[in-house]
Structures are given as C-alpha cells and as structure tokens.
PDB file of N, CA and C in Angstrom:
ATOM      1  N   UNK A   1       0.849  -1.202  -0.031  1.00  0.00           N
ATOM      2  CA  UNK A   1      -0.022  -0.008   0.006  1.00  0.00           C
ATOM      3  C   UNK A   1       0.876   1.266  -0.003  1.00  0.00           C
ATOM      4  N   UNK A   2       1.867   1.264   0.858  1.00  0.00           N
ATOM      5  CA  UNK A   2       2.810   2.438   0.900  1.00  0.00           C
ATOM      6  C   UNK A   2       3.493   2.622  -0.372  1.00  0.00           C
ATOM      7  N   UNK A   3       4.037   1.457  -0.917  1.00  0.00           N
ATOM      8  CA  UNK A   3       4.740   1.623  -2.246  1.00  0.00           C
ATOM      9  C   UNK A   3       3.844   2.119  -3.345  1.00  0.00           C
ATOM     10  N   UNK A   4       2.596   1.708  -3.332  1.00  0.00           N
ATOM     11  CA  UNK A   4       1.593   2.187  -4.250  1.00  0.00           C
ATOM     12  C   UNK A   4       1.414   3.688  -4.131  1.00  0.00           C
ATOM     13  N   UNK A   5       1.328   4.228  -2.985  1.00  0.00           N
ATOM     14  CA  UNK A   5       1.278   5.644  -2.701  1.00  0.00           C
ATOM     15  C   UNK A   5       2.483   6.351  -3.182  1.00  0.00           C
ATOM     16  N   UNK A   6       3.686   5.829  -2.937  1.00  0.00           N
ATOM     17  CA  UNK A   6       4.875   6.448  -3.410  1.00  0.00           C
ATOM     18  C   UNK A   6       4.938   6.476  -4.930  1.00  0.00           C
ATOM     19  N   UNK A   7       4.483   5.389  -5.580  1.00  0.00           N
ATOM     20  CA  UNK A   7       4.559   5.296  -7.046  1.00  0.00           C
ATOM     21  C   UNK A   7       3.504   6.263  -7.642  1.00  0.00           C
ATOM     22  N   UNK A   8       2.379   6.367  -7.009  1.00  0.00           N
ATOM     23  CA  UNK A   8       1.357   7.303  -7.525  1.00  0.00           C
ATOM     24  C   UNK A   8       1.914   8.754  -7.445  1.00  0.00           C
ATOM     25  N   UNK A   9       2.525   9.106  -6.357  1.00  0.00           N
ATOM     26  CA  UNK A   9       3.057  10.521  -6.205  1.00  0.00           C
ATOM     27  C   UNK A   9       4.078  10.714  -7.299  1.00  0.00           C
ATOM     28  N   UNK A  10       4.967   9.805  -7.488  1.00  0.00           N
ATOM     29  CA  UNK A  10       5.984   9.976  -8.554  1.00  0.00           C
ATOM     30  C   UNK A  10       5.320  10.044  -9.914  1.00  0.00           C
ATOM     31  N   UNK A  11       4.323   9.255 -10.186  1.00  0.00           N
ATOM     32  CA  UNK A  11       3.585   9.312 -11.460  1.00  0.00           C
ATOM     33  C   UNK A  11       2.845  10.668 -11.694  1.00  0.00           C
ATOM     34  N   UNK A  12       2.479  11.309 -10.555  1.00  0.00           N
ATOM     35  CA  UNK A  12       1.817  12.591 -10.692  1.00  0.00           C
ATOM     36  C   UNK A  12       2.817  13.751 -10.760  1.00  0.00           C
ATOM     37  N   UNK A  13       4.077  13.443 -10.739  1.00  0.00           N
ATOM     38  CA  UNK A  13       5.083  14.481 -10.964  1.00  0.00           C
ATOM     39  C   UNK A  13       5.781  14.975  -9.670  1.00  0.00           C
ATOM     40  N   UNK A  14       5.416  14.337  -8.570  1.00  0.00           N
ATOM     41  CA  UNK A  14       6.114  14.794  -7.360  1.00  0.00           C
ATOM     42  C   UNK A  14       7.448  14.103  -7.230  1.00  0.00           C
ATOM     43  N   UNK A  15       8.433  14.807  -6.614  1.00  0.00           N
ATOM     44  CA  UNK A  15       9.737  14.312  -6.371  1.00  0.00           C
ATOM     45  C   UNK A  15       9.802  13.798  -4.967  1.00  0.00           C
ATOM     46  N   UNK A  16      10.215  12.507  -4.747  1.00  0.00           N
ATOM     47  CA  UNK A  16      10.326  11.982  -3.416  1.00  0.00           C
ATOM     48  C   UNK A  16      11.867  11.787  -3.079  1.00  0.00           C
ATOM     49  N   UNK A  17      12.210  12.302  -1.994  1.00  0.00           N
ATOM     50  CA  UNK A  17      13.662  12.116  -1.597  1.00  0.00           C
ATOM     51  C   UNK A  17      13.630  10.905  -0.729  1.00  0.00           C
ATOM     52  N   UNK A  18      14.144   9.761  -1.333  1.00  0.00           N
ATOM     53  CA  UNK A  18      14.130   8.530  -0.619  1.00  0.00           C
ATOM     54  C   UNK A  18      14.892   8.536   0.717  1.00  0.00           C
ATOM     55  N   UNK A  19      15.950   9.331   0.820  1.00  0.00           N
ATOM     56  CA  UNK A  19      16.671   9.395   2.041  1.00  0.00           C
ATOM     57  C   UNK A  19      15.829  10.063   3.232  1.00  0.00           C
ATOM     58  N   UNK A  20      14.824  10.835   2.890  1.00  0.00           N
ATOM     59  CA  UNK A  20      14.026  11.421   3.858  1.00  0.00           C
ATOM     60  C   UNK A  20      12.719  10.662   4.044  1.00  0.00           C
ATOM     61  N   UNK A  21      12.413   9.767   3.204  1.00  0.00           N
ATOM     62  CA  UNK A  21      11.144   9.114   3.299  1.00  0.00           C
ATOM     63  C   UNK A  21      11.219   7.888   4.319  1.00  0.00           C
ATOM     64  N   UNK A  22      10.201   7.702   5.069  1.00  0.00           N
ATOM     65  CA  UNK A  22      10.171   6.604   5.951  1.00  0.00           C
ATOM     66  C   UNK A  22       9.108   5.586   5.384  1.00  0.00           C
ATOM     67  N   UNK A  23       9.605   4.576   4.761  1.00  0.00           N
ATOM     68  CA  UNK A  23       8.817   3.615   4.123  1.00  0.00           C
ATOM     69  C   UNK A  23       8.057   2.769   5.052  1.00  0.00           C
ATOM     70  N   UNK A  24       8.504   2.662   6.234  1.00  0.00           N
ATOM     71  CA  UNK A  24       7.794   1.902   7.307  1.00  0.00           C
ATOM     72  C   UNK A  24       7.386   2.951   8.310  1.00  0.00           C
ATOM     73  N   UNK A  25       6.045   3.288   8.377  1.00  0.00           N
ATOM     74  CA  UNK A  25       5.606   4.378   9.225  1.00  0.00           C
ATOM     75  C   UNK A  25       5.811   4.044  10.707  1.00  0.00           C
ATOM     76  N   UNK A  26       6.563   4.936  11.401  1.00  0.00           N
ATOM     77  CA  UNK A  26       6.785   4.804  12.890  1.00  0.00           C
ATOM     78  C   UNK A  26       6.540   6.149  13.464  1.00  0.00           C
ATOM     79  N   UNK A  27       5.634   6.127  14.411  1.00  0.00           N
ATOM     80  CA  UNK A  27       5.340   7.356  15.162  1.00  0.00           C
ATOM     81  C   UNK A  27       5.352   7.061  16.634  1.00  0.00           C
ATOM     82  N   UNK A  28       5.627   8.070  17.417  1.00  0.00           N
ATOM     83  CA  UNK A  28       5.560   7.885  18.868  1.00  0.00           C
ATOM     84  C   UNK A  28       4.533   8.864  19.390  1.00  0.00           C
ATOM     85  N   UNK A  29       3.837   8.445  20.433  1.00  0.00           N
ATOM     86  CA  UNK A  29       2.825   9.228  21.002  1.00  0.00           C
ATOM     87  C   UNK A  29       2.809   8.860  22.511  1.00  0.00           C
ATOM     88  N   UNK A  30       2.996   9.857  23.446  1.00  0.00           N
ATOM     89  CA  UNK A  30       3.089   9.611  24.885  1.00  0.00           C
ATOM     90  C   UNK A  30       4.158   8.562  25.206  1.00  0.00           C
ATOM     91  N   UNK A  31       5.284   8.454  24.495  1.00  0.00           N
ATOM     92  CA  UNK A  31       6.286   7.552  24.751  1.00  0.00           C
ATOM     93  C   UNK A  31       6.045   6.178  24.225  1.00  0.00           C
ATOM     94  N   UNK A  32       4.932   5.925  23.588  1.00  0.00           N
ATOM     95  CA  UNK A  32       4.624   4.610  23.026  1.00  0.00           C
ATOM     96  C   UNK A  32       4.701   4.665  21.500  1.00  0.00           C
ATOM     97  N   UNK A  33       5.056   3.491  20.962  1.00  0.00           N
ATOM     98  CA  UNK A  33       5.133   3.425  19.506  1.00  0.00           C
ATOM     99  C   UNK A  33       3.754   3.175  18.945  1.00  0.00           C
ATOM    100  N   UNK A  34       3.342   3.972  17.961  1.00  0.00           N
ATOM    101  CA  UNK A  34       1.996   3.822  17.324  1.00  0.00           C
ATOM    102  C   UNK A  34       2.223   2.924  16.159  1.00  0.00           C
ATOM    103  N   UNK A  35       1.661   1.760  16.148  1.00  0.00           N
ATOM    104  CA  UNK A  35       1.777   0.858  14.998  1.00  0.00           C
ATOM    105  C   UNK A  35       0.513   1.066  14.226  1.00  0.00           C
ATOM    106  N   UNK A  36       0.503   1.824  13.165  1.00  0.00           N
ATOM    107  CA  UNK A  36      -0.618   2.124  12.364  1.00  0.00           C
ATOM    108  C   UNK A  36      -1.013   1.030  11.380  1.00  0.00           C
ATOM    109  N   UNK A  37      -0.180   0.108  11.178  1.00  0.00           N
ATOM    110  CA  UNK A  37      -0.466  -1.070  10.363  1.00  0.00           C
ATOM    111  C   UNK A  37      -1.273  -2.084  11.152  1.00  0.00           C
ATOM    112  N   UNK A  38      -0.924  -2.325  12.364  1.00  0.00           N
ATOM    113  CA  UNK A  38      -1.659  -3.306  13.230  1.00  0.00           C
ATOM    114  C   UNK A  38      -2.712  -2.550  14.088  1.00  0.00           C
ATOM    115  N   UNK A  39      -2.779  -1.164  14.037  1.00  0.00           N
ATOM    116  CA  UNK A  39      -3.706  -0.455  14.813  1.00  0.00           C
ATOM    117  C   UNK A  39      -3.610  -0.700  16.329  1.00  0.00           C
ATOM    118  N   UNK A  40      -2.381  -0.487  16.845  1.00  0.00           N
ATOM    119  CA  UNK A  40      -2.119  -0.721  18.228  1.00  0.00           C
ATOM    120  C   UNK A  40      -0.991   0.115  18.756  1.00  0.00           C
ATOM    121  N   UNK A  41      -0.912   0.266  20.071  1.00  0.00           N
ATOM    122  CA  UNK A  41       0.209   0.933  20.705  1.00  0.00           C
ATOM    123  C   UNK A  41       1.189  -0.172  21.207  1.00  0.00           C
ATOM    124  N   UNK A  42       2.474   0.136  21.109  1.00  0.00           N
ATOM    125  CA  UNK A  42       3.501  -0.888  21.534  1.00  0.00           C
ATOM    126  C   UNK A  42       4.367  -0.080  22.524  1.00  0.00           C
ATOM    127  N   UNK A  43       4.675  -0.730  23.669  1.00  0.00           N
ATOM    128  CA  UNK A  43       5.622  -0.196  24.651  1.00  0.00           C
ATOM    129  C   UNK A  43       7.074  -0.475  24.146  1.00  0.00           C
ATOM    130  N   UNK A  44       7.891   0.602  24.006  1.00  0.00           N
ATOM    131  CA  UNK A  44       9.206   0.452  23.488  1.00  0.00           C
ATOM    132  C   UNK A  44      10.040  -0.469  24.549  1.00  0.00           C
ATOM    133  N   UNK A  45      11.034  -1.200  23.974  1.00  0.00           N
ATOM    134  CA  UNK A  45      11.824  -2.118  24.842  1.00  0.00           C
ATOM    135  C   UNK A  45      12.603  -1.331  25.867  1.00  0.00           C
ATOM    136  N   UNK A  46      13.058  -0.078  25.562  1.00  0.00           N
ATOM    137  CA  UNK A  46      13.766   0.664  26.627  1.00  0.00           C
ATOM    138  C   UNK A  46      12.862   1.066  27.831  1.00  0.00           C
ATOM    139  N   UNK A  47      11.618   1.375  27.490  1.00  0.00           N
ATOM    140  CA  UNK A  47      10.689   1.675  28.609  1.00  0.00           C
ATOM    141  C   UNK A  47      10.347   0.500  29.437  1.00  0.00           C
ATOM    142  N   UNK A  48      10.233  -0.744  28.786  1.00  0.00           N
ATOM    143  CA  UNK A  48      10.017  -1.958  29.594  1.00  0.00           C
ATOM    144  C   UNK A  48      11.200  -2.233  30.475  1.00  0.00           C
ATOM    145  N   UNK A  49      12.431  -2.049  29.932  1.00  0.00           N
ATOM    146  CA  UNK A  49      13.636  -2.335  30.731  1.00  0.00           C
ATOM    147  C   UNK A  49      13.716  -1.335  31.913  1.00  0.00           C
ATOM    148  N   UNK A  50      13.311  -0.059  31.652  1.00  0.00           N
ATOM    149  CA  UNK A  50      13.352   0.913  32.722  1.00  0.00           C
ATOM    150  C   UNK A  50      12.375   0.593  33.848  1.00  0.00           C
ATOM    151  N   UNK A  51      11.162   0.109  33.413  1.00  0.00           N
ATOM    152  CA  UNK A  51      10.160  -0.354  34.438  1.00  0.00           C
ATOM    153  C   UNK A  51      10.657  -1.550  35.215  1.00  0.00           C
ATOM    154  N   UNK A  52      11.219  -2.505  34.518  1.00  0.00           N
ATOM    155  CA  UNK A  52      11.754  -3.706  35.227  1.00  0.00           C
ATOM    156  C   UNK A  52      12.864  -3.290  36.235  1.00  0.00           C
ATOM    157  N   UNK A  53      13.718  -2.389  35.879  1.00  0.00           N
ATOM    158  CA  UNK A  53      14.715  -1.945  36.880  1.00  0.00           C
ATOM    159  C   UNK A  53      14.103  -1.287  38.075  1.00  0.00           C
ATOM    160  N   UNK A  54      13.135  -0.393  37.779  1.00  0.00           N
ATOM    161  CA  UNK A  54      12.466   0.351  38.884  1.00  0.00           C
ATOM    162  C   UNK A  54      11.643  -0.564  39.803  1.00  0.00           C
ATOM    163  N   UNK A  55      10.952  -1.598  39.192  1.00  0.00           N
ATOM    164  CA  UNK A  55      10.247  -2.571  39.934  1.00  0.00           C
ATOM    165  C   UNK A  55      11.160  -3.452  40.874  1.00  0.00           C
ATOM    166  N   UNK A  56      12.273  -3.817  40.215  1.00  0.00           N
ATOM    167  CA  UNK A  56      13.242  -4.675  40.959  1.00  0.00           C
ATOM    168  C   UNK A  56      13.800  -3.900  42.132  1.00  0.00           C
ATOM    169  N   UNK A  57      14.143  -2.629  41.914  1.00  0.00           N
ATOM    170  CA  UNK A  57      14.704  -1.825  43.074  1.00  0.00           C
ATOM    171  C   UNK A  57      13.644  -1.546  44.044  1.00  0.00           C
ATOM    172  N   UNK A  58      12.368  -1.422  43.644  1.00  0.00           N
ATOM    173  CA  UNK A  58      11.306  -1.159  44.573  1.00  0.00           C
ATOM    174  C   UNK A  58      11.083  -2.398  45.482  1.00  0.00           C
ATOM    175  N   UNK A  59      11.121  -3.571  44.862  1.00  0.00           N
ATOM    176  CA  UNK A  59      10.922  -4.795  45.682  1.00  0.00           C
ATOM    177  C   UNK A  59      12.053  -5.120  46.616  1.00  0.00           C
ATOM    178  N   UNK A  60      13.243  -4.552  46.422  1.00  0.00           N
ATOM    179  CA  UNK A  60      14.384  -4.761  47.268  1.00  0.00           C
ATOM    180  C   UNK A  60      14.418  -3.826  48.494  1.00  0.00           C
ATOM    181  N   UNK A  61      13.596  -2.863  48.426  1.00  0.00           N
ATOM    182  CA  UNK A  61      13.579  -1.926  49.595  1.00  0.00           C
ATOM    183  C   UNK A  61      12.699  -2.462  50.691  1.00  0.00           C
ATOM    184  N   UNK A  62      13.106  -2.111  51.937  1.00  0.00           N
ATOM    185  CA  UNK A  62      12.317  -2.515  53.088  1.00  0.00           C
ATOM    186  C   UNK A  62      11.291  -1.434  53.437  1.00  0.00           C
ATOM    187  N   UNK A  63      11.616  -0.213  53.142  1.00  0.00           N
ATOM    188  CA  UNK A  63      10.687   0.923  53.354  1.00  0.00           C
ATOM    189  C   UNK A  63      10.710   1.769  52.072  1.00  0.00           C
ATOM    190  N   UNK A  64       9.519   2.287  51.699  1.00  0.00           N
ATOM    191  CA  UNK A  64       9.387   3.098  50.504  1.00  0.00           C
ATOM    192  C   UNK A  64       8.642   4.418  50.875  1.00  0.00           C
ATOM    193  N   UNK A  65       9.135   5.452  50.377  1.00  0.00           N
ATOM    194  CA  UNK A  65       8.394   6.717  50.538  1.00  0.00           C
ATOM    195  C   UNK A  65       7.159   6.817  49.700  1.00  0.00           C
ATOM    196  N   UNK A  66       6.271   7.687  49.997  1.00  0.00           N
ATOM    197  CA  UNK A  66       5.121   7.899  49.165  1.00  0.00           C
ATOM    198  C   UNK A  66       5.480   8.355  47.763  1.00  0.00           C
ATOM    199  N   UNK A  67       6.525   9.091  47.609  1.00  0.00           N
ATOM    200  CA  UNK A  67       7.042   9.570  46.378  1.00  0.00           C
ATOM    201  C   UNK A  67       7.507   8.360  45.504  1.00  0.00           C
ATOM    202  N   UNK A  68       8.237   7.433  46.123  1.00  0.00           N
ATOM    203  CA  UNK A  68       8.760   6.274  45.362  1.00  0.00           C
ATOM    204  C   UNK A  68       7.586   5.358  44.880  1.00  0.00           C
ATOM    205  N   UNK A  69       6.544   5.287  45.720  1.00  0.00           N
ATOM    206  CA  UNK A  69       5.384   4.549  45.319  1.00  0.00           C
ATOM    207  C   UNK A  69       4.676   5.224  44.120  1.00  0.00           C
ATOM    208  N   UNK A  70       4.518   6.485  44.278  1.00  0.00           N
ATOM    209  CA  UNK A  70       3.840   7.239  43.201  1.00  0.00           C
ATOM    210  C   UNK A  70       4.637   7.168  41.872  1.00  0.00           C
ATOM    211  N   UNK A  71       6.021   7.251  41.985  1.00  0.00           N
ATOM    212  CA  UNK A  71       6.737   7.196  40.806  1.00  0.00           C
ATOM    213  C   UNK A  71       6.623   5.843  40.075  1.00  0.00           C
ATOM    214  N   UNK A  72       6.674   4.703  40.759  1.00  0.00           N
ATOM    215  CA  UNK A  72       6.448   3.397  40.218  1.00  0.00           C
ATOM    216  C   UNK A  72       5.056   3.276  39.617  1.00  0.00           C
ATOM    217  N   UNK A  73       4.059   3.744  40.329  1.00  0.00           N
ATOM    218  CA  UNK A  73       2.677   3.727  39.801  1.00  0.00           C
ATOM    219  C   UNK A  73       2.588   4.557  38.530  1.00  0.00           C
ATOM    220  N   UNK A  74       3.177   5.762  38.497  1.00  0.00           N
ATOM    221  CA  UNK A  74       3.101   6.534  37.339  1.00  0.00           C
ATOM    222  C   UNK A  74       3.799   5.958  36.156  1.00  0.00           C
ATOM    223  N   UNK A  75       4.937   5.278  36.345  1.00  0.00           N
ATOM    224  CA  UNK A  75       5.549   4.568  35.260  1.00  0.00           C
ATOM    225  C   UNK A  75       4.669   3.437  34.721  1.00  0.00           C
ATOM    226  N   UNK A  76       4.040   2.729  35.627  1.00  0.00           N
ATOM    227  CA  UNK A  76       3.104   1.664  35.225  1.00  0.00           C
ATOM    228  C   UNK A  76       1.933   2.272  34.473  1.00  0.00           C
ATOM    229  N   UNK A  77       1.387   3.315  34.918  1.00  0.00           N
ATOM    230  CA  UNK A  77       0.185   3.933  34.303  1.00  0.00           C
ATOM    231  C   UNK A  77       0.573   4.463  32.928  1.00  0.00           C
ATOM    232  N   UNK A  78       1.788   4.802  32.680  1.00  0.00           N
ATOM    233  CA  UNK A  78       2.183   5.334  31.364  1.00  0.00           C
ATOM    234  C   UNK A  78       2.020   4.256  30.236  1.00  0.00           C
ATOM    235  N   UNK A  79       1.856   2.945  30.724  1.00  0.00           N
ATOM    236  CA  UNK A  79       1.665   1.913  29.692  1.00  0.00           C
ATOM    237  C   UNK A  79       0.172   1.783  29.360  1.00  0.00           C
ATOM    238  N   UNK A  80      -0.737   2.522  30.009  1.00  0.00           N
ATOM    239  CA  UNK A  80      -2.132   2.334  29.928  1.00  0.00           C
ATOM    240  C   UNK A  80      -2.651   2.307  28.431  1.00  0.00           C
ATOM    241  N   UNK A  81      -2.263   3.137  27.520  1.00  0.00           N
ATOM    242  CA  UNK A  81      -2.777   3.020  26.135  1.00  0.00           C
ATOM    243  C   UNK A  81      -2.428   1.694  25.489  1.00  0.00           C
ATOM    244  N   UNK A  82      -1.313   1.085  25.892  1.00  0.00           N
ATOM    245  CA  UNK A  82      -0.912  -0.136  25.292  1.00  0.00           C
ATOM    246  C   UNK A  82      -1.326  -1.421  26.139  1.00  0.00           C
ATOM    247  N   UNK A  83      -1.434  -1.175  27.444  1.00  0.00           N
ATOM    248  CA  UNK A  83      -1.811  -2.285  28.299  1.00  0.00           C
ATOM    249  C   UNK A  83      -3.121  -1.923  28.980  1.00  0.00           C
ATOM    250  N   UNK A  84      -4.191  -2.554  28.532  1.00  0.00           N
ATOM    251  CA  UNK A  84      -5.538  -2.101  28.971  1.00  0.00           C
ATOM    252  C   UNK A  84      -5.655  -2.275  30.535  1.00  0.00           C
ATOM    253  N   UNK A  85      -5.017  -3.250  31.128  1.00  0.00           N
ATOM    254  CA  UNK A  85      -5.257  -3.471  32.516  1.00  0.00           C
ATOM    255  C   UNK A  85      -4.229  -2.768  33.445  1.00  0.00           C
ATOM    256  N   UNK A  86      -3.447  -1.841  32.882  1.00  0.00           N
ATOM    257  CA  UNK A  86      -2.431  -1.103  33.695  1.00  0.00           C
ATOM    258  C   UNK A  86      -3.089  -0.363  34.920  1.00  0.00           C
ATOM    259  N   UNK A  87      -4.213   0.332  34.760  1.00  0.00           N
ATOM    260  CA  UNK A  87      -4.816   0.954  35.917  1.00  0.00           C
ATOM    261  C   UNK A  87      -5.201  -0.080  37.039  1.00  0.00           C
ATOM    262  N   UNK A  88      -5.622  -1.186  36.596  1.00  0.00           N
ATOM    263  CA  UNK A  88      -5.953  -2.258  37.631  1.00  0.00           C
ATOM    264  C   UNK A  88      -4.772  -2.765  38.399  1.00  0.00           C
ATOM    265  N   UNK A  89      -3.617  -2.880  37.684  1.00  0.00           N
ATOM    266  CA  UNK A  89      -2.407  -3.281  38.415  1.00  0.00           C
ATOM    267  C   UNK A  89      -1.804  -2.293  39.356  1.00  0.00           C
ATOM    268  N   UNK A  90      -2.174  -1.034  39.172  1.00  0.00           N
ATOM    269  CA  UNK A  90      -1.681   0.059  40.019  1.00  0.00           C
ATOM    270  C   UNK A  90      -2.598   0.337  41.177  1.00  0.00           C
ATOM    271  N   UNK A  91      -3.760  -0.181  41.192  1.00  0.00           N
ATOM    272  CA  UNK A  91      -4.815   0.227  42.241  1.00  0.00           C
ATOM    273  C   UNK A  91      -4.275  -0.039  43.628  1.00  0.00           C
ATOM    274  N   UNK A  92      -3.833  -1.293  43.869  1.00  0.00           N
ATOM    275  CA  UNK A  92      -3.313  -1.636  45.244  1.00  0.00           C
ATOM    276  C   UNK A  92      -2.085  -0.880  45.600  1.00  0.00           C
ATOM    277  N   UNK A  93      -1.249  -0.613  44.636  1.00  0.00           N
ATOM    278  CA  UNK A  93      -0.020   0.104  44.850  1.00  0.00           C
ATOM    279  C   UNK A  93      -0.320   1.524  45.268  1.00  0.00           C
ATOM    280  N   UNK A  94      -1.295   2.130  44.630  1.00  0.00           N
ATOM    281  CA  UNK A  94      -1.677   3.536  44.987  1.00  0.00           C
ATOM    282  C   UNK A  94      -2.363   3.558  46.352  1.00  0.00           C
ATOM    283  N   UNK A  95      -3.174   2.531  46.652  1.00  0.00           N
ATOM    284  CA  UNK A  95      -3.792   2.459  47.959  1.00  0.00           C
ATOM    285  C   UNK A  95      -2.820   2.312  49.058  1.00  0.00           C
ATOM    286  N   UNK A  96      -1.641   1.797  48.832  1.00  0.00           N
ATOM    287  CA  UNK A  96      -0.667   1.597  49.857  1.00  0.00           C
ATOM    288  C   UNK A  96       0.002   2.884  50.186  1.00  0.00           C
ATOM    289  N   UNK A  97       0.025   3.863  49.339  1.00  0.00           N
ATOM    290  CA  UNK A  97       0.583   5.175  49.644  1.00  0.00           C
ATOM    291  C   UNK A  97      -0.266   6.038  50.489  1.00  0.00           C
ATOM    292  N   UNK A  98       0.327   6.771  51.429  1.00  0.00           N
ATOM    293  CA  UNK A  98      -0.474   7.658  52.185  1.00  0.00           C
ATOM    294  C   UNK A  98      -1.229   8.692  51.312  1.00  0.00           C
ATOM    295  N   UNK A  99      -2.355   9.136  51.791  1.00  0.00           N
ATOM    296  CA  UNK A  99      -3.259  10.004  51.009  1.00  0.00           C
ATOM    297  C   UNK A  99      -2.500  11.354  50.592  1.00  0.00           C
ATOM    298  N   UNK A 100      -1.663  11.820  51.427  1.00  0.00           N
ATOM    299  CA  UNK A 100      -0.988  13.136  51.104  1.00  0.00           C
ATOM    300  C   UNK A 100      -0.102  13.003  49.826  1.00  0.00           C
ATOM    301  N   UNK A 101       0.395  11.901  49.659  1.00  0.00           N
ATOM    302  CA  UNK A 101       1.314  11.670  48.465  1.00  0.00           C
ATOM    303  C   UNK A 101       0.461  11.771  47.107  1.00  0.00           C
ATOM    304  N   UNK A 102      -0.773  11.419  47.241  1.00  0.00           N
ATOM    305  CA  UNK A 102      -1.590  11.364  46.000  1.00  0.00           C
ATOM    306  C   UNK A 102      -2.417  12.654  45.835  1.00  0.00           C
ATOM    307  N   UNK A 103      -2.110  13.737  46.588  1.00  0.00           N
ATOM    308  CA  UNK A 103      -2.704  14.909  46.407  1.00  0.00           C
ATOM    309  C   UNK A 103      -4.042  15.122  47.161  1.00  0.00           C
ATOM    310  N   UNK A 104      -4.341  14.222  48.116  1.00  0.00           N
ATOM    311  CA  UNK A 104      -5.536  14.358  48.873  1.00  0.00           C
ATOM    312  C   UNK A 104      -5.142  14.540  50.330  1.00  0.00           C
ATOM    313  N   UNK A 105      -6.017  15.182  51.101  1.00  0.00           N
ATOM    314  CA  UNK A 105      -5.767  15.384  52.542  1.00  0.00           C
ATOM    315  C   UNK A 105      -6.599  14.415  53.325  1.00  0.00           C
ATOM    316  N   UNK A 106      -6.025  13.835  54.362  1.00  0.00           N
ATOM    317  CA  UNK A 106      -6.806  13.046  55.232  1.00  0.00           C
ATOM    318  C   UNK A 106      -7.684  13.930  56.175  1.00  0.00           C
ATOM    319  N   UNK A 107      -8.882  13.390  56.456  1.00  0.00           N
ATOM    320  CA  UNK A 107      -9.707  14.194  57.413  1.00  0.00           C
ATOM    321  C   UNK A 107     -10.136  13.286  58.476  1.00  0.00           C
TER     322      UNK A 107
END
C-alpha cells in the first residue's frame, strides 16, 4: 500500500527524496510506538527495561516513601494506552501510599 502511494506520487510528478522518506511508518505518542498497520500501541523495549529496573529496586527496599510508590505507579500507568489493565495493576499500589502523596488530605 505504501509503495503504491509512493509510485502514485511519482507518476503525478512529485519528487520523493528516498533518504528522507520513511517507508515503514513509525510514530511515537506519549512515549509509546504507534503501529498504524496493526492499529495498536506498543511499549518500547527501553521503557520496559526501565520499568523492570524500577520494579526490582522497589521490591528490594524494606521501606518506601510515598514519592517512590507514586513514581512506580506513574511509570506503570504510562503503559495504559498499550496495556488495558495497567490501571488495575496500580490500584493496590496507589492504595498503599499515604493520601498526602496522592494529592488528597486526610480528614
């Protein structure tokens, strides 16, 4: 399909600079790869590796601050467009953090 579009543009008199053309469409949105051919979001490998390192460090701690809990939950929630259940996985983690860390005041 993409080659057909390129050929059509050339036949219509347009000049295509092959060095500047991306014949495999790749876009990023919110740190995720947009796969327009498969109609899906893909989490990049470097982001998965960063999450694995953060989760491993989190699990090795005996005590965590509210900020550390929120950081891990935020990283996990950044996968939400690609991983439908990401908010579900973070629910218990966010409930473990004191209310002040999540922007709410206890009464």
